[in-house]
Amino acid sequence: MIVVLDASAVIAYLHGEPGGTVVDEALLDSAISCSMHAINLYEVYYDFLRRTDATTALGFVRALRQTGLSVREDMDETLWLDAGRLKVAYGLSVADTFAIALARRLSGELMSADHHEFDPVAEAGECRIRFIR
C-alpha cells in the first residue's frame, strides 16, 4: 500500500497532536510505503522554522527522513498540469494540489488532517483520502 502524507498529517505526527499516532503507525508498518512531495516537506519545515529556529526545524526534517519516508521531487509537466487543474477545480493551496497529484500518480492514498481543504476532493472521488482525525 502507498500512502502520501500531506503537511498537516506530518505536523500532527511531529507535534504529538491528535491523529499523529495514525501517521506513526503508517511510517512503522513495513507493508506501507510512505511518500511526501518536497513542496509539502517545505511546509513542514516552514511550520517549525516559524515556531522555533533553523537548526530545530532542519532537525525535524532530518528526523522525518530517517523514518524511511520517501521525499519525491517530481515536477514534470504531467504532474504540474494535474496540480493546476486541481487548483482551479477546488481552490486548494499549491502544496495541497501537489499532494493530491502525487497520490494520484502513485495510485496511493492521501493522508491528511485537513477536512476543510480535502472533503470536497474526497467527495468528488479525485483520490482516496484517509483523514487522521
N, C-alpha and C. Protein backbone atom coordinates (compact mmCIF):
# COMPACT_ATOMS: atom_id res chain seq x y z
N MET A 1 0.84 -1.18 0.00
CA MET A 1 0.00 0.00 0.00
C MET A 1 0.89 1.25 0.00
N ILE A 2 0.47 2.26 -0.73
CA ILE A 2 1.20 3.52 -0.81
C ILE A 2 0.38 4.61 -0.16
N VAL A 3 1.02 5.36 0.73
CA VAL A 3 0.39 6.48 1.40
C VAL A 3 1.21 7.73 1.12
N VAL A 4 0.53 8.78 0.70
CA VAL A 4 1.17 10.08 0.51
C VAL A 4 0.73 10.97 1.66
N LEU A 5 1.70 11.50 2.38
CA LEU A 5 1.42 12.34 3.53
C LEU A 5 1.39 13.81 3.12
N ASP A 6 0.41 14.53 3.62
CA ASP A 6 0.44 15.98 3.41
C ASP A 6 1.04 16.62 4.66
N ALA A 7 1.28 17.91 4.60
CA ALA A 7 1.94 18.60 5.70
C ALA A 7 1.13 18.52 7.00
N SER A 8 -0.19 18.63 6.92
CA SER A 8 -0.99 18.63 8.14
C SER A 8 -0.85 17.31 8.90
N ALA A 9 -0.75 16.21 8.18
CA ALA A 9 -0.58 14.90 8.83
C ALA A 9 0.78 14.80 9.49
N VAL A 10 1.81 15.25 8.80
CA VAL A 10 3.16 15.17 9.35
C VAL A 10 3.34 16.12 10.53
N ILE A 11 2.76 17.30 10.44
CA ILE A 11 2.85 18.25 11.55
C ILE A 11 2.14 17.68 12.78
N ALA A 12 0.98 17.04 12.59
CA ALA A 12 0.28 16.40 13.71
C ALA A 12 1.16 15.32 14.33
N TYR A 13 1.82 14.54 13.51
CA TYR A 13 2.72 13.48 13.97
C TYR A 13 3.89 14.07 14.76
N LEU A 14 4.55 15.07 14.21
CA LEU A 14 5.74 15.63 14.85
C LEU A 14 5.42 16.43 16.11
N HIS A 15 4.24 17.02 16.18
CA HIS A 15 3.83 17.80 17.36
C HIS A 15 3.11 16.95 18.39
N GLY A 16 2.86 15.67 18.09
CA GLY A 16 2.13 14.82 19.02
C GLY A 16 0.67 15.22 19.15
N GLU A 17 0.11 15.74 18.08
CA GLU A 17 -1.29 16.17 18.08
C GLU A 17 -2.22 14.98 17.84
N PRO A 18 -3.53 15.17 18.08
CA PRO A 18 -4.48 14.10 17.76
C PRO A 18 -4.33 13.67 16.30
N GLY A 19 -4.35 12.37 16.09
CA GLY A 19 -4.17 11.80 14.76
C GLY A 19 -2.73 11.48 14.43
N GLY A 20 -1.81 12.03 15.18
CA GLY A 20 -0.39 11.78 14.91
C GLY A 20 -0.01 10.31 15.01
N THR A 21 -0.71 9.56 15.87
CA THR A 21 -0.40 8.13 16.01
C THR A 21 -0.77 7.36 14.74
N VAL A 22 -1.75 7.85 13.99
CA VAL A 22 -2.12 7.20 12.72
C VAL A 22 -0.95 7.30 11.74
N VAL A 23 -0.32 8.47 11.71
CA VAL A 23 0.85 8.67 10.85
C VAL A 23 2.00 7.81 11.33
N ASP A 24 2.22 7.78 12.63
CA ASP A 24 3.29 6.97 13.21
C ASP A 24 3.12 5.50 12.83
N GLU A 25 1.90 4.99 12.93
CA GLU A 25 1.64 3.59 12.57
C GLU A 25 1.93 3.33 11.10
N ALA A 26 1.57 4.28 10.24
CA ALA A 26 1.84 4.12 8.80
C ALA A 26 3.34 4.09 8.53
N LEU A 27 4.08 4.99 9.19
CA LEU A 27 5.53 5.04 8.99
C LEU A 27 6.23 3.78 9.48
N LEU A 28 5.67 3.16 10.53
CA LEU A 28 6.28 1.96 11.10
C LEU A 28 5.87 0.67 10.41
N ASP A 29 4.80 0.69 9.66
CA ASP A 29 4.26 -0.51 9.01
C ASP A 29 5.05 -0.82 7.75
N SER A 30 5.73 -1.95 7.74
CA SER A 30 6.56 -2.32 6.58
C SER A 30 5.73 -2.62 5.33
N ALA A 31 4.43 -2.82 5.49
CA ALA A 31 3.56 -3.07 4.34
C ALA A 31 3.10 -1.76 3.68
N ILE A 32 3.45 -0.63 4.30
CA ILE A 32 3.05 0.67 3.77
C ILE A 32 4.28 1.43 3.33
N SER A 33 4.23 1.95 2.13
CA SER A 33 5.28 2.82 1.61
C SER A 33 4.79 4.26 1.72
N CYS A 34 5.46 5.06 2.57
CA CYS A 34 5.04 6.44 2.78
C CYS A 34 5.88 7.39 1.94
N SER A 35 5.21 8.29 1.25
CA SER A 35 5.86 9.29 0.42
C SER A 35 5.30 10.67 0.76
N MET A 36 6.04 11.67 0.33
CA MET A 36 5.62 13.06 0.52
C MET A 36 6.27 13.88 -0.57
N HIS A 37 5.54 14.83 -1.12
CA HIS A 37 6.15 15.70 -2.13
C HIS A 37 7.03 16.72 -1.41
N ALA A 38 8.13 17.10 -2.04
CA ALA A 38 9.07 18.05 -1.45
C ALA A 38 8.39 19.37 -1.09
N ILE A 39 7.39 19.77 -1.86
CA ILE A 39 6.67 21.01 -1.55
C ILE A 39 5.94 20.89 -0.21
N ASN A 40 5.42 19.71 0.09
CA ASN A 40 4.75 19.51 1.37
C ASN A 40 5.77 19.43 2.51
N LEU A 41 6.95 18.87 2.23
CA LEU A 41 8.01 18.86 3.24
C LEU A 41 8.47 20.28 3.53
N TYR A 42 8.50 21.12 2.51
CA TYR A 42 8.80 22.54 2.71
C TYR A 42 7.81 23.15 3.70
N GLU A 43 6.53 22.80 3.59
CA GLU A 43 5.53 23.34 4.52
C GLU A 43 5.82 22.92 5.96
N VAL A 44 6.26 21.68 6.13
CA VAL A 44 6.61 21.20 7.47
C VAL A 44 7.80 21.98 8.00
N TYR A 45 8.82 22.15 7.17
CA TYR A 45 10.00 22.92 7.56
C TYR A 45 9.60 24.34 7.94
N TYR A 46 8.78 24.97 7.11
CA TYR A 46 8.32 26.34 7.37
C TYR A 46 7.58 26.42 8.70
N ASP A 47 6.70 25.45 8.98
CA ASP A 47 5.94 25.45 10.22
C ASP A 47 6.88 25.44 11.42
N PHE A 48 7.89 24.58 11.39
CA PHE A 48 8.83 24.51 12.51
C PHE A 48 9.75 25.72 12.56
N LEU A 49 10.13 26.24 11.41
CA LEU A 49 11.01 27.40 11.36
C LEU A 49 10.35 28.62 12.01
N ARG A 50 9.08 28.82 11.74
CA ARG A 50 8.43 29.99 12.32
C ARG A 50 8.13 29.81 13.80
N ARG A 51 8.09 28.57 14.27
CA ARG A 51 7.83 28.31 15.69
C ARG A 51 9.11 28.23 16.51
N THR A 52 10.21 27.83 15.85
CA THR A 52 11.45 27.59 16.60
C THR A 52 12.60 28.36 15.93
N ASP A 53 13.56 27.62 15.39
CA ASP A 53 14.69 28.22 14.70
C ASP A 53 15.15 27.26 13.60
N ALA A 54 16.09 27.72 12.77
CA ALA A 54 16.51 26.93 11.60
C ALA A 54 17.11 25.59 11.99
N THR A 55 17.90 25.56 13.04
CA THR A 55 18.54 24.31 13.46
C THR A 55 17.49 23.29 13.90
N THR A 56 16.55 23.73 14.71
CA THR A 56 15.49 22.83 15.19
C THR A 56 14.62 22.37 14.03
N ALA A 57 14.24 23.29 13.16
CA ALA A 57 13.39 22.94 12.02
C ALA A 57 14.07 21.92 11.12
N LEU A 58 15.34 22.14 10.84
CA LEU A 58 16.07 21.18 10.00
C LEU A 58 16.22 19.84 10.71
N GLY A 59 16.37 19.87 12.02
CA GLY A 59 16.44 18.62 12.79
C GLY A 59 15.18 17.79 12.66
N PHE A 60 14.02 18.45 12.68
CA PHE A 60 12.76 17.73 12.50
C PHE A 60 12.66 17.14 11.09
N VAL A 61 13.09 17.88 10.09
CA VAL A 61 13.06 17.38 8.72
C VAL A 61 13.98 16.17 8.58
N ARG A 62 15.16 16.26 9.14
CA ARG A 62 16.11 15.13 9.07
C ARG A 62 15.58 13.91 9.81
N ALA A 63 14.97 14.13 10.97
CA ALA A 63 14.39 13.02 11.73
C ALA A 63 13.26 12.36 10.94
N LEU A 64 12.48 13.17 10.28
CA LEU A 64 11.40 12.64 9.46
C LEU A 64 11.95 11.78 8.33
N ARG A 65 13.00 12.25 7.68
CA ARG A 65 13.61 11.47 6.59
C ARG A 65 14.16 10.13 7.09
N GLN A 66 14.58 10.08 8.34
CA GLN A 66 15.13 8.84 8.90
C GLN A 66 14.06 7.80 9.17
N THR A 67 12.80 8.17 9.10
CA THR A 67 11.73 7.21 9.30
C THR A 67 11.56 6.29 8.09
N GLY A 68 12.23 6.64 6.98
CA GLY A 68 12.07 5.88 5.75
C GLY A 68 11.11 6.54 4.78
N LEU A 69 10.61 7.70 5.14
CA LEU A 69 9.73 8.45 4.26
C LEU A 69 10.45 8.77 2.96
N SER A 70 9.79 8.51 1.85
CA SER A 70 10.34 8.84 0.53
C SER A 70 9.89 10.25 0.17
N VAL A 71 10.85 11.14 -0.03
CA VAL A 71 10.53 12.51 -0.43
C VAL A 71 10.67 12.60 -1.94
N ARG A 72 9.56 12.90 -2.58
CA ARG A 72 9.51 12.95 -4.05
C ARG A 72 9.66 14.39 -4.53
N GLU A 73 10.44 14.56 -5.57
CA GLU A 73 10.66 15.88 -6.14
C GLU A 73 10.11 15.98 -7.55
N ASP A 74 9.14 15.14 -7.88
CA ASP A 74 8.52 15.15 -9.21
C ASP A 74 8.05 16.56 -9.56
N MET A 75 8.40 17.01 -10.74
CA MET A 75 7.95 18.32 -11.20
C MET A 75 7.85 18.32 -12.73
N ASP A 76 7.46 17.19 -13.27
CA ASP A 76 7.31 17.10 -14.72
C ASP A 76 5.97 17.70 -15.13
N GLU A 77 5.83 17.90 -16.43
CA GLU A 77 4.64 18.58 -16.96
C GLU A 77 3.35 17.86 -16.60
N THR A 78 3.34 16.55 -16.66
CA THR A 78 2.12 15.81 -16.36
C THR A 78 1.66 16.08 -14.93
N LEU A 79 2.60 16.12 -13.99
CA LEU A 79 2.24 16.34 -12.59
C LEU A 79 1.75 17.77 -12.38
N TRP A 80 2.47 18.76 -12.88
CA TRP A 80 2.03 20.14 -12.61
C TRP A 80 0.77 20.52 -13.39
N LEU A 81 0.52 19.86 -14.52
CA LEU A 81 -0.76 20.09 -15.20
C LEU A 81 -1.91 19.56 -14.34
N ASP A 82 -1.73 18.39 -13.75
CA ASP A 82 -2.75 17.83 -12.87
C ASP A 82 -2.94 18.73 -11.65
N ALA A 83 -1.85 19.19 -11.06
CA ALA A 83 -1.93 20.09 -9.90
C ALA A 83 -2.66 21.38 -10.26
N GLY A 84 -2.37 21.92 -11.43
CA GLY A 84 -3.04 23.15 -11.86
C GLY A 84 -4.53 22.96 -12.04
N ARG A 85 -4.92 21.82 -12.61
CA ARG A 85 -6.34 21.51 -12.78
C ARG A 85 -7.03 21.42 -11.42
N LEU A 86 -6.37 20.79 -10.47
CA LEU A 86 -6.93 20.67 -9.13
C LEU A 86 -7.06 22.03 -8.44
N LYS A 87 -6.11 22.90 -8.66
CA LYS A 87 -6.15 24.26 -8.09
C LYS A 87 -7.38 25.01 -8.60
N VAL A 88 -7.61 24.94 -9.91
CA VAL A 88 -8.77 25.62 -10.49
C VAL A 88 -10.07 24.99 -10.01
N ALA A 89 -10.12 23.67 -9.98
CA ALA A 89 -11.35 22.97 -9.63
C ALA A 89 -11.75 23.14 -8.16
N TYR A 90 -10.76 23.19 -7.26
CA TYR A 90 -11.09 23.17 -5.82
C TYR A 90 -10.56 24.36 -5.04
N GLY A 91 -9.77 25.23 -5.66
CA GLY A 91 -9.25 26.40 -4.95
C GLY A 91 -8.30 26.06 -3.82
N LEU A 92 -7.59 24.94 -3.96
CA LEU A 92 -6.66 24.49 -2.92
C LEU A 92 -5.36 25.27 -2.96
N SER A 93 -4.57 25.13 -1.91
CA SER A 93 -3.22 25.70 -1.93
C SER A 93 -2.40 24.93 -2.96
N VAL A 94 -1.34 25.55 -3.43
CA VAL A 94 -0.46 24.89 -4.40
C VAL A 94 0.10 23.60 -3.80
N ALA A 95 0.54 23.67 -2.54
CA ALA A 95 1.10 22.48 -1.91
C ALA A 95 0.08 21.34 -1.84
N ASP A 96 -1.15 21.66 -1.49
CA ASP A 96 -2.18 20.62 -1.41
C ASP A 96 -2.43 19.98 -2.78
N THR A 97 -2.39 20.79 -3.84
CA THR A 97 -2.61 20.22 -5.16
C THR A 97 -1.51 19.24 -5.54
N PHE A 98 -0.28 19.52 -5.11
CA PHE A 98 0.82 18.60 -5.40
C PHE A 98 0.72 17.33 -4.58
N ALA A 99 0.20 17.42 -3.36
CA ALA A 99 -0.02 16.21 -2.56
C ALA A 99 -1.03 15.30 -3.25
N ILE A 100 -2.12 15.88 -3.72
CA ILE A 100 -3.14 15.09 -4.41
C ILE A 100 -2.60 14.53 -5.71
N ALA A 101 -1.93 15.37 -6.50
CA ALA A 101 -1.39 14.92 -7.78
C ALA A 101 -0.40 13.77 -7.58
N LEU A 102 0.42 13.85 -6.52
CA LEU A 102 1.36 12.76 -6.25
C LEU A 102 0.62 11.50 -5.84
N ALA A 103 -0.38 11.63 -4.99
CA ALA A 103 -1.17 10.45 -4.59
C ALA A 103 -1.82 9.81 -5.81
N ARG A 104 -2.32 10.62 -6.72
CA ARG A 104 -2.92 10.09 -7.95
C ARG A 104 -1.85 9.40 -8.80
N ARG A 105 -0.70 10.03 -8.94
CA ARG A 105 0.38 9.44 -9.74
C ARG A 105 0.80 8.07 -9.21
N LEU A 106 0.89 7.96 -7.89
CA LEU A 106 1.35 6.71 -7.27
C LEU A 106 0.22 5.71 -7.03
N SER A 107 -1.00 6.07 -7.41
CA SER A 107 -2.19 5.26 -7.11
C SER A 107 -2.25 4.95 -5.62
N GLY A 108 -1.95 5.96 -4.84
CA GLY A 108 -1.91 5.80 -3.39
C GLY A 108 -3.06 6.53 -2.72
N GLU A 109 -2.99 6.51 -1.42
CA GLU A 109 -3.99 7.14 -0.58
C GLU A 109 -3.34 8.37 0.06
N LEU A 110 -4.01 9.49 0.02
CA LEU A 110 -3.52 10.69 0.68
C LEU A 110 -3.93 10.66 2.14
N MET A 111 -2.99 10.98 3.03
CA MET A 111 -3.29 11.02 4.45
C MET A 111 -3.19 12.48 4.90
N SER A 112 -4.26 12.97 5.54
CA SER A 112 -4.33 14.37 5.91
C SER A 112 -5.17 14.56 7.17
N ALA A 113 -4.97 15.71 7.80
CA ALA A 113 -5.83 16.13 8.91
C ALA A 113 -6.79 17.22 8.47
N ASP A 114 -6.68 17.64 7.23
CA ASP A 114 -7.32 18.85 6.75
C ASP A 114 -8.65 18.59 6.04
N HIS A 115 -9.71 18.41 6.80
CA HIS A 115 -11.03 18.20 6.22
C HIS A 115 -11.49 19.41 5.40
N HIS A 116 -11.21 20.58 5.90
CA HIS A 116 -11.67 21.80 5.23
C HIS A 116 -11.24 21.83 3.77
N GLU A 117 -10.00 21.49 3.51
CA GLU A 117 -9.47 21.52 2.14
C GLU A 117 -9.87 20.28 1.34
N PHE A 118 -9.82 19.12 1.98
CA PHE A 118 -9.90 17.87 1.23
C PHE A 118 -11.25 17.18 1.19
N ASP A 119 -12.21 17.57 2.01
CA ASP A 119 -13.53 16.95 1.94
C ASP A 119 -14.13 17.04 0.54
N PRO A 120 -14.11 18.21 -0.11
CA PRO A 120 -14.68 18.28 -1.47
C PRO A 120 -13.93 17.39 -2.47
N VAL A 121 -12.64 17.26 -2.30
CA VAL A 121 -11.83 16.43 -3.19
C VAL A 121 -12.19 14.96 -3.00
N ALA A 122 -12.35 14.55 -1.75
CA ALA A 122 -12.73 13.16 -1.45
C ALA A 122 -14.13 12.87 -1.98
N GLU A 123 -15.06 13.80 -1.78
CA GLU A 123 -16.43 13.60 -2.24
C GLU A 123 -16.50 13.48 -3.76
N ALA A 124 -15.60 14.17 -4.46
CA ALA A 124 -15.58 14.12 -5.93
C ALA A 124 -14.86 12.88 -6.45
N GLY A 125 -14.21 12.13 -5.55
CA GLY A 125 -13.51 10.91 -5.97
C GLY A 125 -12.21 11.15 -6.70
N GLU A 126 -11.58 12.31 -6.48
CA GLU A 126 -10.31 12.62 -7.15
C GLU A 126 -9.20 11.66 -6.73
N CYS A 127 -9.19 11.29 -5.45
CA CYS A 127 -8.25 10.28 -4.95
C CYS A 127 -8.75 9.80 -3.59
N ARG A 128 -8.21 8.69 -3.15
CA ARG A 128 -8.57 8.18 -1.83
C ARG A 128 -7.90 9.06 -0.78
N ILE A 129 -8.65 9.44 0.23
CA ILE A 129 -8.11 10.26 1.30
C ILE A 129 -8.47 9.63 2.64
N ARG A 130 -7.46 9.47 3.48
CA ARG A 130 -7.69 8.98 4.85
C ARG A 130 -7.43 10.14 5.79
N PHE A 131 -8.45 10.53 6.51
CA PHE A 131 -8.31 11.61 7.48
C PHE A 131 -7.86 11.03 8.80
N ILE A 132 -6.86 11.66 9.40
CA ILE A 132 -6.28 11.12 10.63
C ILE A 132 -7.05 11.53 11.87
N ARG A 133 -7.98 12.47 11.70
CA ARG A 133 -8.85 12.89 12.81
C ARG A 133 -10.12 13.48 12.27
